[in-house]
C-alpha atoms as a PDB file:
ATOM      1  CA  MET A   1       4.650 -15.653  24.974  1.00  0.00           C
ATOM      2  CA  PRO A   2       5.054 -19.433  24.331  1.00  0.00           C
ATOM      3  CA  LEU A   3       2.048 -19.596  21.976  1.00  0.00           C
ATOM      4  CA  ALA A   4       3.514 -16.952  19.666  1.00  0.00           C
ATOM      5  CA  LEU A   5       6.884 -18.737  19.656  1.00  0.00           C
ATOM      6  CA  ASP A   6       5.230 -22.048  18.801  1.00  0.00           C
ATOM      7  CA  LEU A   7       3.244 -20.446  16.005  1.00  0.00           C
ATOM      8  CA  LYS A   8       6.346 -18.860  14.517  1.00  0.00           C
ATOM      9  CA  GLU A   9       8.111 -22.214  14.530  1.00  0.00           C
ATOM     10  CA  GLU A  10       5.123 -23.847  12.801  1.00  0.00           C
ATOM     11  CA  ILE A  11       5.088 -21.106  10.184  1.00  0.00           C
ATOM     12  CA  LEU A  12       8.775 -21.504   9.410  1.00  0.00           C
ATOM     13  CA  VAL A  13       8.457 -25.296   9.097  1.00  0.00           C
ATOM     14  CA  LEU A  14       5.442 -24.993   6.788  1.00  0.00           C
ATOM     15  CA  LYS A  15       7.110 -22.260   4.750  1.00  0.00           C
ATOM     16  CA  LYS A  16      10.075 -24.517   4.036  1.00  0.00           C
ATOM     17  CA  ALA A  17       7.873 -27.505   3.229  1.00  0.00           C
ATOM     18  CA  ARG A  18       5.748 -25.463   0.795  1.00  0.00           C
ATOM     19  CA  ASN A  19       8.726 -23.637  -0.757  1.00  0.00           C
ATOM     20  CA  ALA A  20       6.842 -20.478   0.108  1.00  0.00           C
ATOM     21  CA  VAL A  21       7.807 -16.849   0.453  1.00  0.00           C
ATOM     22  CA  ILE A  22       6.060 -14.591   2.964  1.00  0.00           C
ATOM     23  CA  LEU A  23       5.580 -11.005   1.828  1.00  0.00           C
ATOM     24  CA  ALA A  24       4.247  -8.482   4.326  1.00  0.00           C
ATOM     25  CA  HIS A  25       3.154  -4.888   3.987  1.00  0.00           C
ATOM     26  CA  ASN A  26       4.484  -2.246   6.365  1.00  0.00           C
ATOM     27  CA  TYR A  27       1.025  -1.996   7.960  1.00  0.00           C
ATOM     28  CA  GLN A  28       0.919  -5.603   9.159  1.00  0.00           C
ATOM     29  CA  ILE A  29       1.142  -6.438  12.861  1.00  0.00           C
ATOM     30  CA  GLY A  30       4.671  -6.635  14.210  1.00  0.00           C
ATOM     31  CA  GLU A  31       4.602 -10.425  14.717  1.00  0.00           C
ATOM     32  CA  ILE A  32       3.878 -10.960  11.031  1.00  0.00           C
ATOM     33  CA  GLN A  33       6.533  -8.472   9.958  1.00  0.00           C
ATOM     34  CA  ASP A  34       9.066 -10.340  12.094  1.00  0.00           C
ATOM     35  CA  VAL A  35       8.388 -13.698  10.418  1.00  0.00           C
ATOM     36  CA  ALA A  36       8.175 -12.377   6.844  1.00  0.00           C
ATOM     37  CA  ASP A  37      10.875 -12.770   4.207  1.00  0.00           C
ATOM     38  CA  TYR A  38      10.299  -9.241   2.969  1.00  0.00           C
ATOM     39  CA  VAL A  39       8.499  -6.256   4.491  1.00  0.00           C
ATOM     40  CA  GLY A  40       7.858  -3.165   2.418  1.00  0.00           C
ATOM     41  CA  ASP A  41       5.527  -0.813   0.598  1.00  0.00           C
ATOM     42  CA  SER A  42       3.401  -1.644  -2.436  1.00  0.00           C
ATOM     43  CA  LEU A  43       6.176  -0.913  -4.944  1.00  0.00           C
ATOM     44  CA  GLY A  44       8.776  -3.044  -3.189  1.00  0.00           C
ATOM     45  CA  LEU A  45       6.266  -5.828  -2.699  1.00  0.00           C
ATOM     46  CA  ALA A  46       5.361  -5.762  -6.408  1.00  0.00           C
ATOM     47  CA  TYR A  47       9.025  -6.134  -7.369  1.00  0.00           C
ATOM     48  CA  HIS A  48       9.542  -9.007  -4.939  1.00  0.00           C
ATOM     49  CA  ALA A  49       6.365 -10.754  -6.062  1.00  0.00           C
ATOM     50  CA  LYS A  50       7.554 -10.523  -9.664  1.00  0.00           C
ATOM     51  CA  ALA A  51      11.064 -11.787  -8.901  1.00  0.00           C
ATOM     52  CA  THR A  52      10.379 -14.632  -6.472  1.00  0.00           C
ATOM     53  CA  GLU A  53      11.279 -18.213  -7.366  1.00  0.00           C
ATOM     54  CA  ALA A  54       9.082 -19.660  -4.618  1.00  0.00           C
ATOM     55  CA  ASP A  55       6.207 -21.971  -5.538  1.00  0.00           C
ATOM     56  CA  VAL A  56       3.826 -20.318  -3.066  1.00  0.00           C
ATOM     57  CA  ILE A  57       3.409 -16.620  -2.315  1.00  0.00           C
ATOM     58  CA  VAL A  58       1.822 -15.852   1.041  1.00  0.00           C
ATOM     59  CA  PHE A  59       0.763 -12.227   0.905  1.00  0.00           C
ATOM     60  CA  CYS A  60       0.225 -10.628   4.284  1.00  0.00           C
ATOM     61  CA  GLY A  61      -1.589  -7.478   3.306  1.00  0.00           C
ATOM     62  CA  VAL A  62      -4.964  -6.835   1.741  1.00  0.00           C
ATOM     63  CA  HIS A  63      -6.711  -8.451  -1.184  1.00  0.00           C
ATOM     64  CA  PHE A  64      -5.592  -6.135  -3.992  1.00  0.00           C
ATOM     65  CA  MET A  65      -1.964  -6.748  -2.990  1.00  0.00           C
ATOM     66  CA  ALA A  66      -2.307 -10.522  -3.179  1.00  0.00           C
ATOM     67  CA  GLU A  67      -4.169 -10.113  -6.462  1.00  0.00           C
ATOM     68  CA  THR A  68      -1.286  -8.008  -7.786  1.00  0.00           C
ATOM     69  CA  ALA A  69       1.104 -10.841  -6.935  1.00  0.00           C
ATOM     70  CA  LYS A  70      -1.141 -13.273  -8.848  1.00  0.00           C
ATOM     71  CA  ILE A  71      -1.289 -10.950 -11.852  1.00  0.00           C
ATOM     72  CA  VAL A  72       2.488 -11.116 -12.287  1.00  0.00           C
ATOM     73  CA  ASN A  73       2.742 -14.791 -11.230  1.00  0.00           C
ATOM     74  CA  PRO A  74      -0.075 -16.676 -12.977  1.00  0.00           C
ATOM     75  CA  GLY A  75       1.620 -20.049 -12.500  1.00  0.00           C
ATOM     76  CA  LYS A  76       2.178 -19.721  -8.764  1.00  0.00           C
ATOM     77  CA  ILE A  77      -0.104 -20.344  -5.830  1.00  0.00           C
ATOM     78  CA  VAL A  78      -0.959 -17.057  -4.091  1.00  0.00           C
ATOM     79  CA  VAL A  79      -2.693 -17.143  -0.728  1.00  0.00           C
ATOM     80  CA  LEU A  80      -3.977 -14.416   1.583  1.00  0.00           C
ATOM     81  CA  PRO A  81      -4.330 -15.255   5.298  1.00  0.00           C
ATOM     82  CA  ASP A  82      -7.772 -13.618   5.548  1.00  0.00           C
ATOM     83  CA  ALA A  83      -9.912 -13.505   2.410  1.00  0.00           C
ATOM     84  CA  ASP A  84     -11.951 -10.626   3.844  1.00  0.00           C
ATOM     85  CA  ALA A  85      -8.973  -8.277   4.135  1.00  0.00           C
ATOM     86  CA  GLY A  86     -10.180  -5.596   1.735  1.00  0.00           C
ATOM     87  CA  CYS A  87      -9.423  -1.913   1.162  1.00  0.00           C
ATOM     88  CA  SER A  88     -11.624   1.180   1.220  1.00  0.00           C
ATOM     89  CA  LEU A  89      -9.756   2.581  -1.782  1.00  0.00           C
ATOM     90  CA  GLU A  90     -10.379  -0.555  -3.817  1.00  0.00           C
ATOM     91  CA  GLN A  91     -14.051  -0.460  -2.815  1.00  0.00           C
ATOM     92  CA  SER A  92     -14.381   3.199  -3.814  1.00  0.00           C
ATOM     93  CA  CYS A  93     -13.717   2.460  -7.488  1.00  0.00           C
ATOM     94  CA  PRO A  94     -15.595  -0.603  -8.776  1.00  0.00           C
ATOM     95  CA  ALA A  95     -14.449  -1.671 -12.229  1.00  0.00           C
ATOM     96  CA  PRO A  96     -17.966  -1.466 -13.783  1.00  0.00           C
ATOM     97  CA  GLU A  97     -18.301   2.168 -12.627  1.00  0.00           C
ATOM     98  CA  LEU A  98     -14.914   3.107 -14.037  1.00  0.00           C
ATOM     99  CA  GLU A  99     -15.680   1.344 -17.311  1.00  0.00           C
ATOM    100  CA  ALA A 100     -19.002   3.172 -17.603  1.00  0.00           C
ATOM    101  CA  PHE A 101     -17.330   6.498 -16.865  1.00  0.00           C
ATOM    102  CA  LEU A 102     -14.667   5.937 -19.510  1.00  0.00           C
ATOM    103  CA  LYS A 103     -17.282   4.996 -22.098  1.00  0.00           C
ATOM    104  CA  ALA A 104     -19.376   8.050 -21.271  1.00  0.00           C
ATOM    105  CA  ASN A 105     -16.286  10.242 -21.662  1.00  0.00           C
ATOM    106  CA  ALA A 106     -14.677   8.425 -24.571  1.00  0.00           C
ATOM    107  CA  GLU A 107     -14.147  11.672 -26.490  1.00  0.00           C
ATOM    108  CA  LYS A 108     -11.648  12.832 -23.853  1.00  0.00           C
ATOM    109  CA  ASN A 109      -9.297   9.916 -24.614  1.00  0.00           C
ATOM    110  CA  TYR A 110      -8.140   9.761 -20.986  1.00  0.00           C
ATOM    111  CA  TYR A 111      -4.730   8.411 -20.083  1.00  0.00           C
ATOM    112  CA  VAL A 112      -5.739   6.450 -17.000  1.00  0.00           C
ATOM    113  CA  ILE A 113      -3.302   6.151 -14.102  1.00  0.00           C
ATOM    114  CA  ALA A 114      -4.436   3.841 -11.317  1.00  0.00           C
ATOM    115  CA  TYR A 115      -2.989   3.829  -7.840  1.00  0.00           C
ATOM    116  CA  ILE A 116      -2.107   0.217  -7.095  1.00  0.00           C
ATOM    117  CA  ASN A 117      -4.791   0.184  -4.355  1.00  0.00           C
ATOM    118  CA  CYS A 118      -7.452  -1.040  -6.776  1.00  0.00           C
ATOM    119  CA  SER A 119      -8.894  -4.282  -8.106  1.00  0.00           C
ATOM    120  CA  GLY A 120      -7.566  -6.303 -11.012  1.00  0.00           C
ATOM    121  CA  GLY A 121     -10.628  -5.218 -12.961  1.00  0.00           C
ATOM    122  CA  VAL A 122      -9.666  -1.566 -12.545  1.00  0.00           C
ATOM    123  CA  LYS A 123      -6.031  -2.279 -13.388  1.00  0.00           C
ATOM    124  CA  ALA A 124      -7.203  -3.900 -16.626  1.00  0.00           C
ATOM    125  CA  LEU A 125      -8.920  -0.640 -17.649  1.00  0.00           C
ATOM    126  CA  CYS A 126      -5.852   1.527 -17.066  1.00  0.00           C
ATOM    127  CA  ASP A 127      -2.786   2.602 -19.022  1.00  0.00           C
ATOM    128  CA  VAL A 128      -0.332   2.394 -16.144  1.00  0.00           C
ATOM    129  CA  ILE A 129      -0.270   1.694 -12.418  1.00  0.00           C
ATOM    130  CA  CYS A 130       1.516   3.741  -9.763  1.00  0.00           C
ATOM    131  CA  THR A 131       2.294   3.557  -6.062  1.00  0.00           C
ATOM    132  CA  SER A 132       2.754   6.395  -3.607  1.00  0.00           C
ATOM    133  CA  GLY A 133       6.489   5.857  -4.001  1.00  0.00           C
ATOM    134  CA  ASN A 134       6.606   6.348  -7.778  1.00  0.00           C
ATOM    135  CA  ALA A 135       3.438   8.328  -8.571  1.00  0.00           C
ATOM    136  CA  VAL A 136       5.276  11.571  -9.319  1.00  0.00           C
ATOM    137  CA  LYS A 137       7.614   9.800 -11.741  1.00  0.00           C
ATOM    138  CA  ILE A 138       4.773   7.932 -13.458  1.00  0.00           C
ATOM    139  CA  VAL A 139       2.735  11.120 -13.932  1.00  0.00           C
ATOM    140  CA  ASN A 140       5.744  12.985 -15.276  1.00  0.00           C
ATOM    141  CA  LEU A 141       6.149  10.244 -17.884  1.00  0.00           C
ATOM    142  CA  ALA A 142       2.485  10.398 -18.997  1.00  0.00           C
ATOM    143  CA  PRO A 143       1.802  11.592 -22.574  1.00  0.00           C
ATOM    144  CA  ALA A 144       1.652  15.382 -22.661  1.00  0.00           C
ATOM    145  CA  ASP A 145      -1.097  15.422 -25.279  1.00  0.00           C
ATOM    146  CA  ARG A 146      -3.684  13.404 -23.312  1.00  0.00           C
ATOM    147  CA  PRO A 147      -5.720  14.371 -20.233  1.00  0.00           C
ATOM    148  CA  ILE A 148      -5.071  12.220 -17.179  1.00  0.00           C
ATOM    149  CA  LEU A 149      -7.677  10.475 -15.084  1.00  0.00           C
ATOM    150  CA  PHE A 150      -6.186   9.450 -11.729  1.00  0.00           C
ATOM    151  CA  VAL A 151      -7.989   6.723  -9.765  1.00  0.00           C
ATOM    152  CA  PRO A 152      -9.000   6.005  -7.060  1.00  0.00           C
ATOM    153  CA  ASP A 153      -7.281   8.180  -4.406  1.00  0.00           C
ATOM    154  CA  GLU A 154      -8.157  11.861  -4.689  1.00  0.00           C
ATOM    155  CA  ASN A 155      -5.722  12.847  -1.914  1.00  0.00           C
ATOM    156  CA  LEU A 156      -2.711  11.121  -3.454  1.00  0.00           C
ATOM    157  CA  GLY A 157      -3.757  12.537  -6.828  1.00  0.00           C
ATOM    158  CA  ALA A 158      -3.984  16.067  -5.424  1.00  0.00           C
ATOM    159  CA  TRP A 159      -0.524  15.753  -3.880  1.00  0.00           C
ATOM    160  CA  VAL A 160       0.920  14.495  -7.165  1.00  0.00           C
ATOM    161  CA  MET A 161      -0.590  17.489  -8.966  1.00  0.00           C
ATOM    162  CA  GLU A 162       1.133  19.746  -6.433  1.00  0.00           C
ATOM    163  CA  GLN A 163       4.467  18.018  -7.093  1.00  0.00           C
ATOM    164  CA  THR A 164       4.260  17.836 -10.879  1.00  0.00           C
ATOM    165  CA  GLY A 165       2.106  20.801 -11.903  1.00  0.00           C
ATOM    166  CA  ARG A 166       0.211  18.373 -14.124  1.00  0.00           C
ATOM    167  CA  LYS A 167      -3.558  18.841 -14.146  1.00  0.00           C
ATOM    168  CA  MET A 168      -5.470  15.622 -13.594  1.00  0.00           C
ATOM    169  CA  ASP A 169      -9.095  14.642 -13.145  1.00  0.00           C
ATOM    170  CA  LEU A 170      -9.425  12.798  -9.841  1.00  0.00           C
ATOM    171  CA  TRP A 171     -11.705   9.921  -8.895  1.00  0.00           C
ATOM    172  CA  LYS A 172     -13.531  10.591  -5.613  1.00  0.00           C
ATOM    173  CA  GLY A 173     -11.981   7.890  -3.464  1.00  0.00           C
ATOM    174  CA  ASN A 174      -9.881   7.879  -0.312  1.00  0.00           C
ATOM    175  CA  CYS A 175      -8.272   5.700   2.340  1.00  0.00           C
ATOM    176  CA  TYR A 176     -10.595   5.703   5.326  1.00  0.00           C
ATOM    177  CA  VAL A 177      -7.617   5.452   7.699  1.00  0.00           C
ATOM    178  CA  HIS A 178      -5.602   8.383   6.373  1.00  0.00           C
ATOM    179  CA  VAL A 179      -8.542  10.784   6.201  1.00  0.00           C
ATOM    180  CA  GLU A 180      -9.080  10.267   9.936  1.00  0.00           C
ATOM    181  CA  PHE A 181      -5.998  12.376  10.603  1.00  0.00           C
ATOM    182  CA  THR A 182      -7.057  16.009  10.893  1.00  0.00           C
ATOM    183  CA  ARG A 183      -5.397  19.378  11.189  1.00  0.00           C
ATOM    184  CA  ASP A 184      -6.571  19.583  14.810  1.00  0.00           C
ATOM    185  CA  SER A 185      -5.324  16.128  15.775  1.00  0.00           C
ATOM    186  CA  ILE A 186      -1.875  16.761  14.302  1.00  0.00           C
ATOM    187  CA  ASN A 187      -1.629  20.233  15.798  1.00  0.00           C
ATOM    188  CA  ARG A 188      -2.397  18.743  19.214  1.00  0.00           C
ATOM    189  CA  ILE A 189       0.457  16.238  19.019  1.00  0.00           C
ATOM    190  CA  LYS A 190       2.771  18.931  17.636  1.00  0.00           C
ATOM    191  CA  SER A 191       2.027  21.066  20.698  1.00  0.00           C
ATOM    192  CA  GLU A 192       3.157  18.153  22.901  1.00  0.00           C
ATOM    193  CA  TYR A 193       6.382  17.739  20.917  1.00  0.00           C
ATOM    194  CA  PRO A 194       7.209  21.248  19.663  1.00  0.00           C
ATOM    195  CA  ASP A 195      10.642  20.253  18.330  1.00  0.00           C
ATOM    196  CA  ALA A 196       9.398  17.172  16.470  1.00  0.00           C
ATOM    197  CA  LEU A 197       9.400  16.741  12.729  1.00  0.00           C
ATOM    198  CA  VAL A 198       6.248  15.449  11.022  1.00  0.00           C
ATOM    199  CA  VAL A 199       6.310  12.884   8.225  1.00  0.00           C
ATOM    200  CA  ALA A 200       2.969  12.057   6.566  1.00  0.00           C
ATOM    201  CA  HIS A 201       1.661   9.762   3.876  1.00  0.00           C
ATOM    202  CA  PRO A 202       0.248  11.444   0.739  1.00  0.00           C
ATOM    203  CA  GLU A 203      -3.083   9.674   1.245  1.00  0.00           C
ATOM    204  CA  CYS A 204      -3.697  12.230   4.015  1.00  0.00           C
ATOM    205  CA  THR A 205      -5.796  15.299   3.279  1.00  0.00           C
ATOM    206  CA  GLN A 206      -4.169  18.536   2.156  1.00  0.00           C
ATOM    207  CA  ALA A 207      -4.844  20.118   5.552  1.00  0.00           C
ATOM    208  CA  VAL A 208      -2.662  17.450   7.175  1.00  0.00           C
ATOM    209  CA  ARG A 209      -0.029  17.395   4.425  1.00  0.00           C
ATOM    210  CA  LEU A 210       0.495  21.137   4.893  1.00  0.00           C
ATOM    211  CA  LEU A 211       1.528  20.490   8.508  1.00  0.00           C
ATOM    212  CA  ALA A 212       4.133  17.905   7.527  1.00  0.00           C
ATOM    213  CA  ASP A 213       7.843  18.488   7.106  1.00  0.00           C
ATOM    214  CA  GLU A 214       7.926  15.587   4.649  1.00  0.00           C
ATOM    215  CA  VAL A 215       5.224  13.819   2.639  1.00  0.00           C
ATOM    216  CA  CYS A 216       6.271  10.454   1.241  1.00  0.00           C
ATOM    217  CA  SER A 217       5.547   6.749   0.848  1.00  0.00           C
ATOM    218  CA  THR A 218       6.015   4.378   3.765  1.00  0.00           C
ATOM    219  CA  GLU A 219       9.288   3.086   2.320  1.00  0.00           C
ATOM    220  CA  LYS A 220      10.741   6.575   2.004  1.00  0.00           C
ATOM    221  CA  MET A 221       9.758   7.225   5.615  1.00  0.00           C
ATOM    222  CA  ILE A 222      12.542   4.821   6.632  1.00  0.00           C
ATOM    223  CA  SER A 223      15.363   6.889   5.179  1.00  0.00           C
ATOM    224  CA  TYR A 224      13.713  10.164   6.221  1.00  0.00           C
ATOM    225  CA  CYS A 225      13.509   9.106   9.865  1.00  0.00           C
ATOM    226  CA  ARG A 226      16.953   7.514   9.851  1.00  0.00           C
ATOM    227  CA  HIS A 227      18.624  10.711   8.631  1.00  0.00           C
ATOM    228  CA  ALA A 228      16.444  13.219  10.487  1.00  0.00           C
ATOM    229  CA  SER A 229      18.400  15.755  12.540  1.00  0.00           C
ATOM    230  CA  VAL A 230      16.055  15.520  15.533  1.00  0.00           C
ATOM    231  CA  LYS A 231      15.076  12.691  17.869  1.00  0.00           C
ATOM    232  CA  ASP A 232      11.291  13.215  17.961  1.00  0.00           C
ATOM    233  CA  ILE A 233       9.383  12.367  14.778  1.00  0.00           C
ATOM    234  CA  ILE A 234       5.602  12.267  14.441  1.00  0.00           C
ATOM    235  CA  VAL A 235       4.600   9.577  11.937  1.00  0.00           C
ATOM    236  CA  VAL A 236       1.252  10.214  10.261  1.00  0.00           C
ATOM    237  CA  THR A 237       0.242   6.936   8.695  1.00  0.00           C
ATOM    238  CA  GLU A 238      -1.215   3.558   9.692  1.00  0.00           C
ATOM    239  CA  SER A 239       0.098   2.307  13.037  1.00  0.00           C
ATOM    240  CA  GLY A 240       1.834  -0.811  11.703  1.00  0.00           C
ATOM    241  CA  MET A 241       4.543   1.356  10.186  1.00  0.00           C
ATOM    242  CA  LEU A 242       5.816   2.214  13.663  1.00  0.00           C
ATOM    243  CA  HIS A 243       7.012  -1.358  14.245  1.00  0.00           C
ATOM    244  CA  ARG A 244       9.398  -1.346  11.310  1.00  0.00           C
ATOM    245  CA  LEU A 245      10.504   2.245  11.911  1.00  0.00           C
ATOM    246  CA  ARG A 246      11.389   1.480  15.525  1.00  0.00           C
ATOM    247  CA  LYS A 247      13.465  -1.520  14.438  1.00  0.00           C
ATOM    248  CA  GLU A 248      15.332   0.387  11.741  1.00  0.00           C
ATOM    249  CA  CYS A 249      15.650   3.734  13.549  1.00  0.00           C
ATOM    250  CA  PRO A 250      16.202   2.718  17.190  1.00  0.00           C
ATOM    251  CA  ASP A 251      17.759   6.046  18.127  1.00  0.00           C
ATOM    252  CA  LYS A 252      14.604   8.012  17.262  1.00  0.00           C
ATOM    253  CA  ASN A 253      11.513   8.676  19.356  1.00  0.00           C
ATOM    254  CA  LEU A 254       8.829   7.752  16.850  1.00  0.00           C
ATOM    255  CA  ILE A 255       5.390   9.055  17.789  1.00  0.00           C
ATOM    256  CA  ALA A 256       2.169   7.776  16.255  1.00  0.00           C
ATOM    257  CA  GLY A 257       0.129  10.506  14.629  1.00  0.00           C
ATOM    258  CA  PRO A 258      -3.249  10.576  16.410  1.00  0.00           C
ATOM    259  CA  THR A 259      -6.720  11.013  15.001  1.00  0.00           C
ATOM    260  CA  ASP A 260      -9.567  12.883  16.671  1.00  0.00           C
ATOM    261  CA  ARG A 261     -10.853   9.651  18.173  1.00  0.00           C
ATOM    262  CA  CYS A 262      -7.761   7.633  19.062  1.00  0.00           C
ATOM    263  CA  ALA A 263      -4.042   7.819  19.759  1.00  0.00           C
ATOM    264  CA  CYS A 264      -3.103   6.074  16.517  1.00  0.00           C
ATOM    265  CA  ALA A 265      -4.721   4.868  13.301  1.00  0.00           C
ATOM    266  CA  ASP A 266      -5.309   1.161  12.681  1.00  0.00           C
ATOM    267  CA  CYS A 267      -6.578  -0.257   9.399  1.00  0.00           C
ATOM    268  CA  ARG A 268      -9.215  -2.833  10.279  1.00  0.00           C
ATOM    269  CA  TYR A 269      -8.439  -4.721   7.055  1.00  0.00           C
ATOM    270  CA  MET A 270      -4.667  -4.890   7.532  1.00  0.00           C
ATOM    271  CA  LYS A 271      -5.184  -6.142  11.067  1.00  0.00           C
ATOM    272  CA  MET A 272      -7.329  -9.083   9.924  1.00  0.00           C
ATOM    273  CA  ASN A 273      -4.173 -11.081   9.221  1.00  0.00           C
ATOM    274  CA  THR A 274      -2.818 -12.892  12.292  1.00  0.00           C
ATOM    275  CA  LEU A 275      -0.108 -15.443  13.018  1.00  0.00           C
ATOM    276  CA  GLU A 276      -2.861 -18.045  13.379  1.00  0.00           C
ATOM    277  CA  ASN A 277      -4.406 -17.531   9.948  1.00  0.00           C
ATOM    278  CA  LEU A 278      -0.952 -17.108   8.403  1.00  0.00           C
ATOM    279  CA  ARG A 279      -0.095 -20.575   9.758  1.00  0.00           C
ATOM    280  CA  ASP A 280      -3.408 -21.979   8.568  1.00  0.00           C
ATOM    281  CA  CYS A 281      -3.088 -20.647   5.017  1.00  0.00           C
ATOM    282  CA  LEU A 282       0.391 -22.177   4.717  1.00  0.00           C
ATOM    283  CA  ASP A 283      -1.039 -25.477   5.943  1.00  0.00           C
ATOM    284  CA  THR A 284      -4.105 -25.603   3.677  1.00  0.00           C
ATOM    285  CA  LEU A 285      -2.951 -23.285   0.851  1.00  0.00           C
ATOM    286  CA  GLN A 286      -6.299 -21.522   1.235  1.00  0.00           C
ATOM    287  CA  PRO A 287      -7.774 -19.008   0.647  1.00  0.00           C
ATOM    288  CA  ARG A 288      -6.252 -18.764  -2.808  1.00  0.00           C
ATOM    289  CA  VAL A 289      -6.339 -15.763  -5.082  1.00  0.00           C
ATOM    290  CA  GLU A 290      -7.513 -16.720  -8.577  1.00  0.00           C
ATOM    291  CA  MET A 291      -8.143 -14.645 -11.695  1.00  0.00           C
ATOM    292  CA  GLU A 292      -9.699 -15.305 -15.071  1.00  0.00           C
ATOM    293  CA  GLU A 293      -6.798 -15.385 -17.534  1.00  0.00           C
ATOM    294  CA  SER A 294      -7.944 -12.752 -20.022  1.00  0.00           C
ATOM    295  CA  LEU A 295      -8.554 -10.297 -17.173  1.00  0.00           C
ATOM    296  CA  ARG A 296      -5.202 -11.146 -15.589  1.00  0.00           C
ATOM    297  CA  ALA A 297      -3.374 -10.577 -18.880  1.00  0.00           C
ATOM    298  CA  ARG A 298      -5.011  -7.177 -19.390  1.00  0.00           C
ATOM    299  CA  ALA A 299      -4.196  -6.155 -15.823  1.00  0.00           C
ATOM    300  CA  GLU A 300      -0.588  -7.286 -16.188  1.00  0.00           C
ATOM    301  CA  LEU A 301       0.279  -4.838 -18.971  1.00  0.00           C
ATOM    302  CA  PRO A 302      -0.087  -1.609 -16.927  1.00  0.00           C
ATOM    303  CA  LEU A 303       1.658  -3.253 -13.973  1.00  0.00           C
ATOM    304  CA  LEU A 304       4.660  -4.237 -16.077  1.00  0.00           C
ATOM    305  CA  ARG A 305       4.662  -0.730 -17.587  1.00  0.00           C
ATOM    306  CA  MET A 306       4.920   0.661 -14.047  1.00  0.00           C
ATOM    307  CA  LEU A 307       7.772  -1.661 -13.096  1.00  0.00           C
ATOM    308  CA  GLU A 308       9.659  -0.719 -16.264  1.00  0.00           C
ATOM    309  CA  GLN A 309       9.124   3.014 -15.782  1.00  0.00           C
ATOM    310  CA  SER A 310      10.165   2.820 -12.120  1.00  0.00           C
ATOM    311  CA  LYS A 311      13.658   1.454 -12.792  1.00  0.00           C
END
C-alpha cells in the first residue's frame, strides 16, 4: 500500500531529525512493530527506556508504559501517539484508593508489589515493581517477615502464588482482554488442533491457565514457540503478539486463542496507536507525558529496585 510506505518514510525521516527512539510493545499493530527500534514486553521496554541516549522517546504502547519511560528519563521528551491509550489494569487501581487502603491497614505493614501496569501514583506507593516476566523472582526476593499486597492484577498475582508458594493479598483488578479467554473458548480451539500446544499469558484466569502447556510473559513466548517440538501452537494473549511470533518463528503454525465472542482478542487501547498518529507525534512532539517531580522521584525508586533485582 503506497500510503503506508510513504508514512513509514516520513516516520524514519522525522525520527532521525528528532534524534528519537521508537519503542513498541508486543501488542502494537504490525506496521508499528515493523518501524520500531525495539519491540518487546514491559520489562524489556523498561530496560531500553532507561538505557537510551535518544533525546526523544516515542512510546507505542499505553499510557502507563510511556509514563514509566518518563519516570526513568526525567530530562527527555516522552511522547505517546494517542493520549487516550489507557489500560483497564491501571484504571482498576487508582492511587487514592490504594493510599486509603494502606492507611486503613497500616498495622499490617504491607510490602507492596505493583505490577508495572499501573499509574505513576500507584508506583510511588509501592516497595517494588514487577512485570509478568520477573514477577516470580521479585516475589521470591520479598522480605519473609512482611505480608505482601500485590496490585493490581489478581490473576497474575494468583499465578505467582502458585509458582512461589508465597501467600499474598491480591487487589481485585484484571486485564479486560485476558479475562475474555474462557475454558470453553480454549477447549474449542484445542478440539480443532488436537496436537497443538497452548501457551498463555498469566493475566488469564486460572481456568484458562490450567489448559495451557506453558504460562509465561509475552517475551518468553518467543523462545517457547521457537523451541516447541510441534508445529501448531495456540497463543492465548492479545492478538498483536502474533505478528512478532510469526516473524521470529516462521516454521510454526501460530493460532490466535479465541474468546467466546471473537476469533482473537484485541486490546482497544493498544490499537489506538496508528502509523498516522505516530508520524504526527514525531512531528509535533505531542502529546507529551509529564510528571510532577516529587511524584516521579518516588515512583522511580521501586522501578530501579525492580531493574536491579532483575539482573
